[in-house]
C-alpha atoms as a PDB file:
ATOM      1  CA  MET A   1       0.000   0.000   0.000  1.00  0.00           C
ATOM      2  CA  VAL A   2       1.345   3.419  -0.943  1.00  0.00           C
ATOM      3  CA  ALA A   3       0.575   6.493   1.159  1.00  0.00           C
ATOM      4  CA  THR A   4       0.074   9.181  -1.470  1.00  0.00           C
ATOM      5  CA  ARG A   5       0.524  12.131   0.871  1.00  0.00           C
ATOM      6  CA  PRO A   6       3.988  13.020   2.182  1.00  0.00           C
ATOM      7  CA  VAL A   7       4.944  12.157   5.755  1.00  0.00           C
ATOM      8  CA  ASP A   8       7.310  13.819   8.193  1.00  0.00           C
ATOM      9  CA  PHE A   9      10.465  11.702   7.999  1.00  0.00           C
ATOM     10  CA  ARG A  10      11.290  12.491  11.614  1.00  0.00           C
ATOM     11  CA  ARG A  11       8.723   9.768  12.344  1.00  0.00           C
ATOM     12  CA  GLY A  12      10.415   6.544  13.257  1.00  0.00           C
ATOM     13  CA  MET A  13       9.087   3.050  12.873  1.00  0.00           C
ATOM     14  CA  ASN A  14       6.558   3.385  15.711  1.00  0.00           C
ATOM     15  CA  GLY A  15       5.205   6.608  14.207  1.00  0.00           C
ATOM     16  CA  LEU A  16       4.785   5.010  10.779  1.00  0.00           C
ATOM     17  CA  VAL A  17       3.109   1.928  12.277  1.00  0.00           C
ATOM     18  CA  ALA A  18       0.664   4.233  14.078  1.00  0.00           C
ATOM     19  CA  LEU A  19       0.069   6.170  10.842  1.00  0.00           C
ATOM     20  CA  VAL A  20      -0.771   2.963   8.959  1.00  0.00           C
ATOM     21  CA  ALA A  21      -3.320   2.020  11.621  1.00  0.00           C
ATOM     22  CA  SER A  22      -4.908   5.458  12.018  1.00  0.00           C
ATOM     23  CA  ALA A  23      -4.638   7.389   8.743  1.00  0.00           C
ATOM     24  CA  LEU A  24      -4.640   4.450   6.317  1.00  0.00           C
ATOM     25  CA  ALA A  25      -7.021   2.263   8.362  1.00  0.00           C
ATOM     26  CA  ALA A  26      -4.864  -0.789   7.682  1.00  0.00           C
ATOM     27  CA  ASP A  27      -3.200  -3.454   9.811  1.00  0.00           C
ATOM     28  CA  PRO A  28       0.561  -2.779   9.797  1.00  0.00           C
ATOM     29  CA  TYR A  29       1.181  -6.414  10.827  1.00  0.00           C
ATOM     30  CA  CYS A  30      -0.698  -7.981   7.889  1.00  0.00           C
ATOM     31  CA  GLY A  31       2.420  -8.621   5.777  1.00  0.00           C
ATOM     32  CA  ASP A  32       1.796  -5.842   3.245  1.00  0.00           C
ATOM     33  CA  VAL A  33       4.547  -3.364   2.412  1.00  0.00           C
ATOM     34  CA  PHE A  34       3.639   0.233   3.282  1.00  0.00           C
ATOM     35  CA  VAL A  35       5.457   2.901   1.278  1.00  0.00           C
ATOM     36  CA  PHE A  36       5.811   6.562   2.302  1.00  0.00           C
ATOM     37  CA  ARG A  37       7.449   9.564   0.670  1.00  0.00           C
ATOM     38  CA  ALA A  38       8.965  12.777   1.929  1.00  0.00           C
ATOM     39  CA  LYS A  39       7.704  16.154   0.781  1.00  0.00           C
ATOM     40  CA  ARG A  40      10.865  16.752  -1.292  1.00  0.00           C
ATOM     41  CA  LEU A  41      10.297  13.535  -3.329  1.00  0.00           C
ATOM     42  CA  ASP A  42      13.916  12.448  -2.890  1.00  0.00           C
ATOM     43  CA  ARG A  43      13.224  10.119   0.040  1.00  0.00           C
ATOM     44  CA  LEU A  44      11.248   6.931   0.300  1.00  0.00           C
ATOM     45  CA  ARG A  45      10.514   4.876   3.400  1.00  0.00           C
ATOM     46  CA  CYS A  46       8.938   1.400   3.575  1.00  0.00           C
ATOM     47  CA  ILE A  47       7.777  -0.643   6.535  1.00  0.00           C
ATOM     48  CA  TYR A  48       7.001  -4.345   6.434  1.00  0.00           C
ATOM     49  CA  TRP A  49       6.130  -6.993   9.026  1.00  0.00           C
ATOM     50  CA  ASP A  50       7.982 -10.201   8.107  1.00  0.00           C
ATOM     51  CA  GLY A  51       6.340 -12.359  10.770  1.00  0.00           C
ATOM     52  CA  SER A  52       9.067 -11.955  13.367  1.00  0.00           C
ATOM     53  CA  GLY A  53       9.682  -8.205  13.378  1.00  0.00           C
ATOM     54  CA  MET A  54       9.044  -4.913  11.638  1.00  0.00           C
ATOM     55  CA  ILE A  55      11.452  -3.878   8.871  1.00  0.00           C
ATOM     56  CA  LEU A  56      12.097  -0.216   8.074  1.00  0.00           C
ATOM     57  CA  ALA A  57      13.911   0.633   4.822  1.00  0.00           C
ATOM     58  CA  THR A  58      14.837   4.155   3.756  1.00  0.00           C
ATOM     59  CA  LYS A  59      16.124   5.310   0.371  1.00  0.00           C
ATOM     60  CA  TRP A  60      17.566   8.825   0.068  1.00  0.00           C
ATOM     61  CA  LEU A  61      18.477   9.859  -3.477  1.00  0.00           C
ATOM     62  CA  GLU A  62      21.659  11.890  -3.938  1.00  0.00           C
ATOM     63  CA  ALA A  63      20.228  13.435  -7.113  1.00  0.00           C
ATOM     64  CA  GLY A  64      16.814  13.428  -8.762  1.00  0.00           C
ATOM     65  CA  LYS A  65      13.473  12.474  -7.291  1.00  0.00           C
ATOM     66  CA  PHE A  66      11.121   9.561  -7.181  1.00  0.00           C
ATOM     67  CA  VAL A  67       8.307   9.653  -9.717  1.00  0.00           C
ATOM     68  CA  TRP A  68       5.198   9.454  -7.589  1.00  0.00           C
ATOM     69  CA  PRO A  69       1.678   8.396  -8.596  1.00  0.00           C
ATOM     70  CA  PRO A  70      -0.963  11.143  -8.717  1.00  0.00           C
ATOM     71  CA  ILE A  71      -2.469  11.952  -5.333  1.00  0.00           C
ATOM     72  CA  ARG A  72      -6.052  10.688  -5.026  1.00  0.00           C
ATOM     73  CA  ASP A  73      -7.023   9.505  -1.579  1.00  0.00           C
ATOM     74  CA  GLY A  74      -4.725   8.873   1.354  1.00  0.00           C
ATOM     75  CA  ALA A  75      -3.445   5.563  -0.039  1.00  0.00           C
ATOM     76  CA  MET A  76      -3.365   3.452  -3.166  1.00  0.00           C
ATOM     77  CA  GLN A  77      -2.879  -0.252  -3.695  1.00  0.00           C
ATOM     78  CA  MET A  78       0.002  -1.580  -5.783  1.00  0.00           C
ATOM     79  CA  THR A  79       0.454  -5.064  -7.118  1.00  0.00           C
ATOM     80  CA  ARG A  80       3.687  -6.900  -6.389  1.00  0.00           C
ATOM     81  CA  GLU A  81       4.760  -6.293  -9.997  1.00  0.00           C
ATOM     82  CA  GLU A  82       4.035  -2.548  -9.775  1.00  0.00           C
ATOM     83  CA  PHE A  83       5.912  -2.320  -6.489  1.00  0.00           C
ATOM     84  CA  SER A  84       8.892  -4.195  -7.920  1.00  0.00           C
ATOM     85  CA  HIS A  85       9.028  -1.876 -10.910  1.00  0.00           C
ATOM     86  CA  PHE A  86       8.544   1.254  -8.801  1.00  0.00           C
ATOM     87  CA  CYS A  87      10.592   0.507  -5.718  1.00  0.00           C
ATOM     88  CA  TRP A  88      12.628  -2.678  -5.539  1.00  0.00           C
ATOM     89  CA  PRO A  89      15.304  -1.879  -8.171  1.00  0.00           C
ATOM     90  CA  VAL A  90      15.895   1.431  -6.385  1.00  0.00           C
ATOM     91  CA  LEU A  91      16.111  -0.188  -2.935  1.00  0.00           C
ATOM     92  CA  THR A  92      18.579  -2.821  -4.139  1.00  0.00           C
ATOM     93  CA  GLY A  93      20.661  -0.497  -6.322  1.00  0.00           C
ATOM     94  CA  GLN A  94      19.646  -2.295  -9.522  1.00  0.00           C
ATOM     95  CA  GLY A  95      17.740   0.641 -11.039  1.00  0.00           C
END
């Protein structure tokens, strides 16, 4: 699930977990990946429950910005394929 509005990146993992539950009305422990962006569009943060703990990944671009989907509601669903194309190559340095 992608949060389409920017978040304050001073929020840590607990703040993002609370945001998923309150603002996105989702269960942060369901196994979905939740993706957030900073206002400047050069930072991306993901949280994911892997069954034994919460994972927080942050990507901070040295140059350029992430291309972000148009803002509609507070969140949008992405398929695994869309997420892989959008995010995974960037997170692993393959993009």
